[in-house]
Amino acid sequence: MIKTMKDCERDTCLAVADMMVAAAKTAPKGSGKDTVEACVLTGEDKDALAAAMREFGEEVGEEFIIRDAGNVDSSHCVVIIGCKSTPFGLPNCHMCGFENRGEMKKAGTNCVFNVTDLGIAVGSAVSIAADHRIDNRVMYSAGKGALRIGCLSPDVKIIWGIPLGAESKSIYFDRGPGAVLR
């Protein structure tokens, strides 16, 4: 059997995606409570993500979101990492800017512990991609698309998407108006 370079690139991206999800899971949690969820999108699910991103980009009139959808199309897979909206409930914390968690939830904002834990999880995940020399980009737009397609549980309210690729030149940089995707 001959395994082509393209096959190796795809398989490596998928293996690294699995390690990224594990890194997100095992990342330190400031609250000691695990509110982080993650998954990997490929195939039709990745296509649905790109379509949701394009739809959102057109709705809000933001070209960068539509550009990012093209990056997702050109990627081998996308790692999705989000956090549940579960207030820690520390009395007198006020780090979110509200008097208590009831006011915070009423305002529709999130507990700083959850958001911080998500940031640590994303950082841990992308460090795995970097350690394995896999091109990646943390994308708000892919997170927004992931919310639309519902690939994590309904109580996950903040999501980031991280597409992965292995090309001779990263498709996630030099992404100005004239940038060409494969």
Protein backbone atom coordinates (compact mmCIF):
# COMPACT_ATOMS: atom_id res chain seq x y z
CA MET A 1 0.00 0.00 0.00
CA ILE A 2 1.16 3.51 -0.78
CA LYS A 3 -0.12 6.24 1.47
CA THR A 4 0.03 9.58 -0.34
CA MET A 5 1.23 12.81 1.17
CA LYS A 6 -2.34 14.18 1.05
CA ASP A 7 -3.60 11.14 2.97
CA CYS A 8 -0.86 11.63 5.58
CA GLU A 9 -1.71 15.33 5.94
CA ARG A 10 -5.41 14.57 6.46
CA ASP A 11 -4.78 11.69 8.87
CA THR A 12 -2.31 13.74 10.89
CA CYS A 13 -4.74 16.65 11.17
CA LEU A 14 -7.45 14.28 12.41
CA ALA A 15 -5.09 12.69 14.96
CA VAL A 16 -3.97 16.11 16.18
CA ALA A 17 -7.63 17.21 16.44
CA ASP A 18 -8.27 14.31 18.81
CA MET A 19 -5.27 15.33 20.92
CA MET A 20 -6.51 18.94 20.93
CA VAL A 21 -9.88 17.85 22.32
CA ALA A 22 -8.09 15.85 25.03
CA ALA A 23 -5.91 18.87 25.84
CA ALA A 24 -9.00 21.07 26.14
CA LYS A 25 -10.56 18.53 28.51
CA THR A 26 -7.49 18.24 30.73
CA ALA A 27 -6.66 21.96 30.75
CA PRO A 28 -6.59 23.52 34.23
CA LYS A 29 -9.93 24.85 35.42
CA GLY A 30 -9.94 28.01 37.56
CA SER A 31 -13.13 26.94 39.28
CA GLY A 32 -12.39 23.24 39.53
CA LYS A 33 -15.67 22.64 37.67
CA ASP A 34 -15.60 21.33 34.11
CA THR A 35 -17.86 23.42 31.87
CA VAL A 36 -15.82 22.84 28.70
CA GLU A 37 -17.19 20.78 25.78
CA ALA A 38 -15.51 19.99 22.47
CA CYS A 39 -15.93 18.02 19.26
CA VAL A 40 -14.31 17.64 15.84
CA LEU A 41 -16.19 18.36 12.62
CA THR A 42 -15.38 16.68 9.31
CA GLY A 43 -17.24 15.89 6.09
CA GLU A 44 -20.88 16.95 5.94
CA ASP A 45 -20.77 18.45 9.43
CA LYS A 46 -17.81 20.65 8.45
CA ASP A 47 -19.72 21.63 5.29
CA ALA A 48 -22.76 22.55 7.41
CA LEU A 49 -20.51 24.70 9.60
CA ALA A 50 -19.12 26.58 6.57
CA ALA A 51 -22.66 27.11 5.23
CA ALA A 52 -23.84 28.47 8.61
CA MET A 53 -20.83 30.79 8.71
CA ARG A 54 -21.61 32.13 5.22
CA GLU A 55 -25.24 32.67 6.15
CA PHE A 56 -24.23 34.56 9.30
CA GLY A 57 -21.63 36.59 7.41
CA GLU A 58 -24.22 37.65 4.85
CA GLU A 59 -26.76 38.53 7.56
CA VAL A 60 -24.36 40.84 9.39
CA GLY A 61 -22.52 42.05 6.28
CA GLU A 62 -19.05 40.97 7.45
CA GLU A 63 -16.70 39.80 4.69
CA PHE A 64 -14.22 38.27 7.16
CA ILE A 65 -16.83 35.71 8.22
CA ILE A 66 -17.44 34.65 4.62
CA ARG A 67 -13.66 34.50 4.09
CA ASP A 68 -13.33 32.33 7.19
CA ALA A 69 -15.99 29.97 5.79
CA GLY A 70 -13.71 29.49 2.78
CA ASN A 71 -10.89 28.60 5.17
CA VAL A 72 -13.14 26.02 6.81
CA ASP A 73 -13.99 24.57 3.38
CA SER A 74 -10.26 24.19 2.68
CA SER A 75 -9.47 22.62 6.07
CA HIS A 76 -9.23 18.93 6.89
CA CYS A 77 -11.32 19.34 10.04
CA VAL A 78 -12.45 21.87 12.63
CA VAL A 79 -12.04 21.53 16.38
CA ILE A 80 -14.98 23.11 18.23
CA ILE A 81 -14.49 24.14 21.87
CA GLY A 82 -17.12 25.85 24.00
CA CYS A 83 -18.23 26.32 27.59
CA LYS A 84 -21.52 25.88 29.35
CA SER A 85 -23.14 28.85 30.97
CA THR A 86 -22.85 27.56 34.54
CA PRO A 87 -22.17 30.26 37.12
CA PHE A 88 -19.63 29.28 39.72
CA GLY A 89 -21.76 30.89 42.40
CA LEU A 90 -19.01 32.34 44.54
CA PRO A 91 -20.62 34.78 47.01
CA ASN A 92 -19.52 38.39 46.53
CA CYS A 93 -17.33 37.56 43.52
CA HIS A 94 -18.58 40.41 41.27
CA MET A 95 -15.88 39.62 38.64
CA CYS A 96 -18.57 39.62 35.92
CA GLY A 97 -19.60 43.13 36.92
CA PHE A 98 -22.90 42.10 38.49
CA GLU A 99 -24.00 41.92 42.11
CA ASN A 100 -24.91 38.23 41.96
CA ARG A 101 -25.35 35.35 39.53
CA GLY A 102 -29.09 36.03 39.22
CA GLU A 103 -28.36 39.52 37.86
CA MET A 104 -25.62 38.11 35.65
CA LYS A 105 -27.93 35.51 34.10
CA LYS A 106 -30.74 38.09 33.72
CA ALA A 107 -28.34 40.30 31.76
CA GLY A 108 -27.41 37.35 29.54
CA THR A 109 -23.71 37.44 30.33
CA ASN A 110 -21.38 34.66 31.45
CA CYS A 111 -19.45 33.73 34.55
CA VAL A 112 -15.82 34.81 34.32
CA PHE A 113 -14.73 31.40 35.60
CA ASN A 114 -16.40 29.72 32.59
CA VAL A 115 -14.95 32.16 30.09
CA THR A 116 -11.46 31.96 31.61
CA ASP A 117 -11.59 28.16 31.63
CA LEU A 118 -12.60 28.24 27.95
CA GLY A 119 -9.65 30.47 27.12
CA ILE A 120 -7.25 28.14 28.91
CA ALA A 121 -8.77 25.14 27.09
CA VAL A 122 -8.41 26.83 23.68
CA GLY A 123 -4.81 27.79 24.49
CA SER A 124 -4.01 24.22 25.51
CA ALA A 125 -5.59 22.89 22.32
CA VAL A 126 -3.76 25.20 19.92
CA SER A 127 -0.49 24.46 21.67
CA ILE A 128 -0.96 20.82 20.63
CA ALA A 129 -1.47 21.90 17.01
CA ALA A 130 1.66 24.06 17.20
CA ASP A 131 3.69 21.23 18.75
CA HIS A 132 2.75 19.05 15.77
CA ARG A 133 3.31 21.80 13.17
CA ILE A 134 -0.34 21.80 12.07
CA ASP A 135 -1.67 25.08 10.68
CA ASN A 136 -4.60 26.46 12.66
CA ARG A 137 -6.51 29.61 13.48
CA VAL A 138 -8.83 30.36 16.39
CA MET A 139 -12.04 31.71 14.81
CA TYR A 140 -14.94 33.54 16.41
CA SER A 141 -16.81 33.07 13.13
CA ALA A 142 -16.52 29.26 13.26
CA GLY A 143 -17.75 29.37 16.85
CA LYS A 144 -20.76 31.40 15.80
CA GLY A 145 -21.45 28.90 13.02
CA ALA A 146 -21.10 26.03 15.52
CA LEU A 147 -23.74 27.66 17.73
CA ARG A 148 -26.07 27.78 14.73
CA ILE A 149 -25.66 24.11 13.81
CA GLY A 150 -25.88 22.97 17.44
CA CYS A 151 -22.91 20.62 17.52
CA LEU A 152 -22.46 21.03 21.30
CA SER A 153 -25.11 20.83 24.01
CA PRO A 154 -27.72 23.62 24.16
CA ASP A 155 -26.36 25.11 27.39
CA VAL A 156 -23.03 25.89 25.69
CA LYS A 157 -23.23 29.59 24.86
CA ILE A 158 -19.65 30.59 23.95
CA ILE A 159 -17.80 28.64 21.27
CA TRP A 160 -14.56 29.01 19.34
CA GLY A 161 -13.72 27.03 16.21
CA ILE A 162 -10.21 26.00 15.20
CA PRO A 163 -9.81 24.74 11.61
CA LEU A 164 -6.75 22.58 10.92
CA GLY A 165 -4.72 22.23 7.76
CA ALA A 166 -1.37 20.99 6.52
CA GLU A 167 -0.23 22.91 3.48
CA SER A 168 3.12 24.19 2.28
CA LYS A 169 1.88 27.67 3.28
CA SER A 170 -0.76 28.26 5.93
CA ILE A 171 -4.12 29.23 4.47
CA TYR A 172 -5.00 31.02 7.72
CA PHE A 173 -2.53 33.90 7.26
CA ASP A 174 -2.15 36.53 4.54
CA ARG A 175 -5.94 36.43 4.31
CA GLY A 176 -6.55 39.85 2.83
CA PRO A 177 -9.03 40.49 0.01
CA GLY A 178 -6.74 38.99 -2.63
CA ALA A 179 -5.83 35.85 -0.67
CA VAL A 180 -6.30 32.62 -2.56
CA LEU A 181 -7.59 29.44 -0.93
CA ARG A 182 -6.80 26.03 -2.36
